[in-house]
Amino acid sequence: MGSDKIWLFDTTLRDGGQTRGVDFSRADKVAIAHALDDIGIDYIEAGWPGANPTDDAFFAKPPKMKNAITIPYTGSKLTVNTTVNAEIVLIILTIAINV
């Protein structure tokens, strides 16, 4: 039945960055991404290019990870459970897996 691997997906750099009083710098995001990579996170949702200067800078030169893959926000602004939303997530994850 395939692998017993559990794939871990973390949203700290995006969701955490939206928390009141939190203002990650690019250096903060890089350090957190490396820490997440070190503990075995597979996919790191690191923000959304175009949303703010920090995310632009992060994705312009994403950090090199040992194992994790950094990806942009994987949802859409559409209603939850729409076909388009599911297709966007599938496309982004497929790209990330094949990088």
N, C-alpha and C. Protein backbone atom coordinates (compact mmCIF):
# COMPACT_ATOMS: atom_id res chain seq x y z
N MET A 1 0.81 -1.20 0.00
CA MET A 1 0.00 0.00 0.00
C MET A 1 0.84 1.25 0.00
N GLY A 2 2.06 1.15 -0.42
CA GLY A 2 2.88 2.35 -0.49
C GLY A 2 3.65 2.60 0.78
N SER A 3 3.96 3.84 0.98
CA SER A 3 4.80 4.26 2.09
C SER A 3 3.97 4.54 3.34
N ASP A 4 4.59 4.34 4.48
CA ASP A 4 3.97 4.70 5.75
C ASP A 4 4.33 6.12 6.17
N LYS A 5 5.01 6.84 5.29
CA LYS A 5 5.46 8.21 5.57
C LYS A 5 4.27 9.14 5.81
N ILE A 6 4.37 9.95 6.80
CA ILE A 6 3.40 11.02 7.04
C ILE A 6 4.06 12.31 6.59
N TRP A 7 3.44 13.01 5.66
CA TRP A 7 3.98 14.27 5.12
C TRP A 7 3.50 15.42 5.99
N LEU A 8 4.45 16.23 6.46
CA LEU A 8 4.14 17.34 7.35
C LEU A 8 4.15 18.66 6.59
N PHE A 9 3.10 19.45 6.80
CA PHE A 9 2.89 20.72 6.12
C PHE A 9 2.72 21.79 7.19
N ASP A 10 3.56 22.81 7.18
CA ASP A 10 3.53 23.83 8.22
C ASP A 10 3.18 25.20 7.64
N THR A 11 2.35 25.95 8.36
CA THR A 11 1.94 27.28 7.90
C THR A 11 2.39 28.41 8.83
N THR A 12 3.37 28.12 9.69
CA THR A 12 3.84 29.12 10.66
C THR A 12 4.22 30.44 10.00
N LEU A 13 4.94 30.39 8.88
CA LEU A 13 5.45 31.61 8.26
C LEU A 13 4.36 32.45 7.61
N ARG A 14 3.22 31.84 7.30
CA ARG A 14 2.11 32.61 6.75
C ARG A 14 1.09 32.92 7.84
N ASP A 15 0.49 31.87 8.42
CA ASP A 15 -0.51 32.09 9.46
C ASP A 15 0.08 32.79 10.68
N GLY A 16 1.27 32.36 11.09
CA GLY A 16 1.92 32.98 12.25
C GLY A 16 2.23 34.45 12.00
N GLY A 17 2.55 34.77 10.75
CA GLY A 17 2.84 36.15 10.39
C GLY A 17 1.62 37.06 10.41
N GLN A 18 0.44 36.47 10.50
CA GLN A 18 -0.79 37.26 10.54
C GLN A 18 -1.27 37.49 11.97
N THR A 19 -0.50 37.01 12.93
CA THR A 19 -0.85 37.16 14.33
C THR A 19 -0.57 38.58 14.80
N ARG A 20 -1.46 39.12 15.58
CA ARG A 20 -1.29 40.48 16.10
C ARG A 20 0.04 40.59 16.83
N GLY A 21 0.81 41.62 16.48
CA GLY A 21 2.09 41.88 17.13
C GLY A 21 3.27 41.16 16.50
N VAL A 22 3.02 40.28 15.52
CA VAL A 22 4.10 39.55 14.86
C VAL A 22 4.43 40.26 13.55
N ASP A 23 5.70 40.53 13.34
CA ASP A 23 6.15 41.18 12.11
C ASP A 23 7.47 40.54 11.70
N PHE A 24 7.38 39.38 11.02
CA PHE A 24 8.60 38.68 10.61
C PHE A 24 9.39 39.50 9.61
N SER A 25 10.70 39.51 9.77
CA SER A 25 11.59 40.04 8.74
C SER A 25 11.94 38.87 7.82
N ARG A 26 12.62 39.16 6.72
CA ARG A 26 13.06 38.07 5.85
C ARG A 26 14.00 37.14 6.62
N ALA A 27 14.91 37.74 7.41
CA ALA A 27 15.85 36.94 8.22
C ALA A 27 15.10 36.05 9.21
N ASP A 28 14.03 36.57 9.82
CA ASP A 28 13.21 35.76 10.72
C ASP A 28 12.63 34.56 9.98
N LYS A 29 12.07 34.82 8.80
CA LYS A 29 11.44 33.75 8.02
C LYS A 29 12.47 32.70 7.61
N VAL A 30 13.65 33.14 7.23
CA VAL A 30 14.71 32.19 6.85
C VAL A 30 15.10 31.33 8.05
N ALA A 31 15.30 31.96 9.21
CA ALA A 31 15.69 31.21 10.42
C ALA A 31 14.59 30.21 10.83
N ILE A 32 13.34 30.63 10.77
CA ILE A 32 12.23 29.74 11.12
C ILE A 32 12.13 28.60 10.10
N ALA A 33 12.29 28.92 8.82
CA ALA A 33 12.24 27.88 7.78
C ALA A 33 13.32 26.83 8.02
N HIS A 34 14.53 27.26 8.36
CA HIS A 34 15.61 26.32 8.65
C HIS A 34 15.29 25.47 9.88
N ALA A 35 14.71 26.08 10.90
CA ALA A 35 14.35 25.33 12.11
C ALA A 35 13.28 24.29 11.78
N LEU A 36 12.30 24.66 10.97
CA LEU A 36 11.25 23.71 10.57
C LEU A 36 11.84 22.57 9.74
N ASP A 37 12.77 22.91 8.86
CA ASP A 37 13.46 21.90 8.06
C ASP A 37 14.23 20.95 8.97
N ASP A 38 14.90 21.49 9.96
CA ASP A 38 15.70 20.68 10.89
C ASP A 38 14.85 19.68 11.69
N ILE A 39 13.60 20.03 11.98
CA ILE A 39 12.77 19.10 12.75
C ILE A 39 11.96 18.16 11.85
N GLY A 40 12.15 18.26 10.54
CA GLY A 40 11.53 17.29 9.65
C GLY A 40 10.26 17.70 8.93
N ILE A 41 9.95 18.99 8.92
CA ILE A 41 8.77 19.44 8.18
C ILE A 41 9.06 19.27 6.68
N ASP A 42 8.09 18.73 5.94
CA ASP A 42 8.28 18.47 4.51
C ASP A 42 7.96 19.68 3.64
N TYR A 43 6.86 20.35 3.95
CA TYR A 43 6.42 21.50 3.15
C TYR A 43 6.21 22.69 4.08
N ILE A 44 6.78 23.82 3.70
CA ILE A 44 6.67 25.03 4.50
C ILE A 44 5.95 26.09 3.66
N GLU A 45 4.73 26.40 4.09
CA GLU A 45 3.97 27.45 3.42
C GLU A 45 4.51 28.77 3.96
N ALA A 46 5.27 29.46 3.12
CA ALA A 46 6.09 30.57 3.60
C ALA A 46 5.50 31.96 3.38
N GLY A 47 4.31 32.06 2.88
CA GLY A 47 3.71 33.37 2.64
C GLY A 47 3.15 33.44 1.24
N TRP A 48 2.97 34.65 0.77
CA TRP A 48 2.37 34.87 -0.54
C TRP A 48 3.13 36.00 -1.24
N PRO A 49 3.90 35.68 -2.28
CA PRO A 49 4.62 36.74 -3.00
C PRO A 49 3.63 37.79 -3.51
N GLY A 50 3.96 39.03 -3.30
CA GLY A 50 3.08 40.11 -3.72
C GLY A 50 2.23 40.65 -2.58
N ALA A 51 2.16 39.90 -1.48
CA ALA A 51 1.34 40.34 -0.36
C ALA A 51 2.02 41.43 0.46
N ASN A 52 3.35 41.37 0.53
CA ASN A 52 4.10 42.35 1.32
C ASN A 52 5.57 42.26 0.94
N PRO A 53 6.36 43.27 1.25
CA PRO A 53 7.78 43.27 0.88
C PRO A 53 8.58 42.10 1.47
N THR A 54 8.23 41.66 2.67
CA THR A 54 8.96 40.54 3.28
C THR A 54 8.76 39.26 2.48
N ASP A 55 7.52 38.97 2.10
CA ASP A 55 7.26 37.77 1.30
C ASP A 55 7.89 37.90 -0.08
N ASP A 56 7.85 39.09 -0.66
CA ASP A 56 8.52 39.31 -1.96
C ASP A 56 10.01 38.97 -1.84
N ALA A 57 10.66 39.46 -0.78
CA ALA A 57 12.09 39.24 -0.60
C ALA A 57 12.38 37.76 -0.33
N PHE A 58 11.53 37.12 0.45
CA PHE A 58 11.74 35.71 0.77
C PHE A 58 11.68 34.85 -0.50
N PHE A 59 10.66 35.06 -1.33
CA PHE A 59 10.49 34.24 -2.52
C PHE A 59 11.41 34.65 -3.67
N ALA A 60 11.91 35.88 -3.63
CA ALA A 60 12.87 36.30 -4.66
C ALA A 60 14.16 35.50 -4.52
N LYS A 61 14.50 35.16 -3.27
CA LYS A 61 15.69 34.35 -3.00
C LYS A 61 15.39 33.40 -1.85
N PRO A 62 14.62 32.34 -2.15
CA PRO A 62 14.26 31.41 -1.08
C PRO A 62 15.49 30.71 -0.50
N PRO A 63 15.46 30.43 0.79
CA PRO A 63 16.62 29.77 1.40
C PRO A 63 16.74 28.33 0.90
N LYS A 64 17.96 27.83 0.88
CA LYS A 64 18.19 26.44 0.50
C LYS A 64 17.91 25.57 1.73
N MET A 65 17.03 24.61 1.54
CA MET A 65 16.65 23.70 2.62
C MET A 65 17.34 22.36 2.42
N LYS A 66 17.55 21.64 3.52
CA LYS A 66 18.12 20.29 3.42
C LYS A 66 17.09 19.33 2.83
N ASN A 67 15.87 19.41 3.32
CA ASN A 67 14.82 18.48 2.89
C ASN A 67 13.50 19.16 2.55
N ALA A 68 13.14 20.16 3.32
CA ALA A 68 11.83 20.80 3.16
C ALA A 68 11.74 21.57 1.84
N ILE A 69 10.52 21.75 1.39
CA ILE A 69 10.25 22.55 0.21
C ILE A 69 9.42 23.75 0.67
N THR A 70 9.87 24.95 0.35
CA THR A 70 9.10 26.15 0.68
C THR A 70 8.17 26.45 -0.48
N ILE A 71 6.92 26.71 -0.15
CA ILE A 71 5.92 26.98 -1.18
C ILE A 71 5.11 28.22 -0.78
N PRO A 72 4.51 28.89 -1.76
CA PRO A 72 3.64 30.02 -1.44
C PRO A 72 2.31 29.52 -0.89
N TYR A 73 1.53 30.46 -0.39
CA TYR A 73 0.19 30.17 0.12
C TYR A 73 -0.55 29.29 -0.88
N THR A 74 -1.17 28.21 -0.40
CA THR A 74 -1.77 27.23 -1.30
C THR A 74 -3.28 27.26 -1.37
N GLY A 75 -3.89 28.30 -0.88
CA GLY A 75 -5.34 28.40 -0.97
C GLY A 75 -5.71 29.50 -1.94
N SER A 76 -6.97 29.66 -2.12
CA SER A 76 -7.43 30.76 -2.95
C SER A 76 -8.43 31.57 -2.15
N LYS A 77 -8.81 32.70 -2.67
CA LYS A 77 -9.77 33.55 -1.97
C LYS A 77 -11.20 33.15 -2.33
N LEU A 78 -11.37 31.99 -2.92
CA LEU A 78 -12.69 31.52 -3.29
C LEU A 78 -13.34 30.79 -2.13
N THR A 79 -14.59 30.45 -2.29
CA THR A 79 -15.30 29.72 -1.27
C THR A 79 -14.62 28.38 -1.00
N VAL A 80 -14.61 27.97 0.24
CA VAL A 80 -14.02 26.70 0.61
C VAL A 80 -14.67 25.56 -0.17
N ASN A 81 -13.88 24.55 -0.49
CA ASN A 81 -14.33 23.34 -1.16
C ASN A 81 -14.79 23.56 -2.60
N THR A 82 -14.31 24.59 -3.25
CA THR A 82 -14.63 24.76 -4.65
C THR A 82 -13.65 23.95 -5.49
N THR A 83 -14.05 23.59 -6.68
CA THR A 83 -13.18 22.84 -7.58
C THR A 83 -11.93 23.64 -7.89
N VAL A 84 -12.06 24.96 -8.11
CA VAL A 84 -10.91 25.79 -8.44
C VAL A 84 -9.92 25.78 -7.29
N ASN A 85 -10.40 25.92 -6.06
CA ASN A 85 -9.51 25.90 -4.90
C ASN A 85 -8.75 24.58 -4.82
N ALA A 86 -9.44 23.48 -5.01
CA ALA A 86 -8.81 22.16 -4.96
C ALA A 86 -7.78 22.03 -6.08
N GLU A 87 -8.08 22.54 -7.25
CA GLU A 87 -7.15 22.44 -8.37
C GLU A 87 -5.90 23.28 -8.12
N ILE A 88 -6.05 24.46 -7.55
CA ILE A 88 -4.90 25.31 -7.24
C ILE A 88 -3.98 24.60 -6.26
N VAL A 89 -4.55 24.04 -5.20
CA VAL A 89 -3.74 23.33 -4.21
C VAL A 89 -3.03 22.15 -4.87
N LEU A 90 -3.73 21.39 -5.68
CA LEU A 90 -3.13 20.24 -6.34
C LEU A 90 -1.98 20.65 -7.26
N ILE A 91 -2.17 21.71 -8.02
CA ILE A 91 -1.12 22.18 -8.94
C ILE A 91 0.12 22.61 -8.15
N ILE A 92 -0.06 23.40 -7.11
CA ILE A 92 1.08 23.89 -6.35
C ILE A 92 1.82 22.75 -5.66
N LEU A 93 1.08 21.81 -5.07
CA LEU A 93 1.74 20.69 -4.41
C LEU A 93 2.44 19.78 -5.42
N THR A 94 1.85 19.61 -6.58
CA THR A 94 2.49 18.80 -7.63
C THR A 94 3.80 19.44 -8.06
N ILE A 95 3.81 20.75 -8.24
CA ILE A 95 5.04 21.45 -8.60
C ILE A 95 6.08 21.28 -7.50
N ALA A 96 5.65 21.46 -6.26
CA ALA A 96 6.58 21.36 -5.13
C ALA A 96 7.19 19.96 -5.03
N ILE A 97 6.39 18.94 -5.24
CA ILE A 97 6.87 17.56 -5.15
C ILE A 97 7.89 17.27 -6.22
N ASN A 98 7.72 17.88 -7.37
CA ASN A 98 8.60 17.59 -8.51
C ASN A 98 9.79 18.52 -8.62
N VAL A 99 9.99 19.39 -7.64
CA VAL A 99 11.12 20.32 -7.67
C VAL A 99 12.40 19.57 -7.35
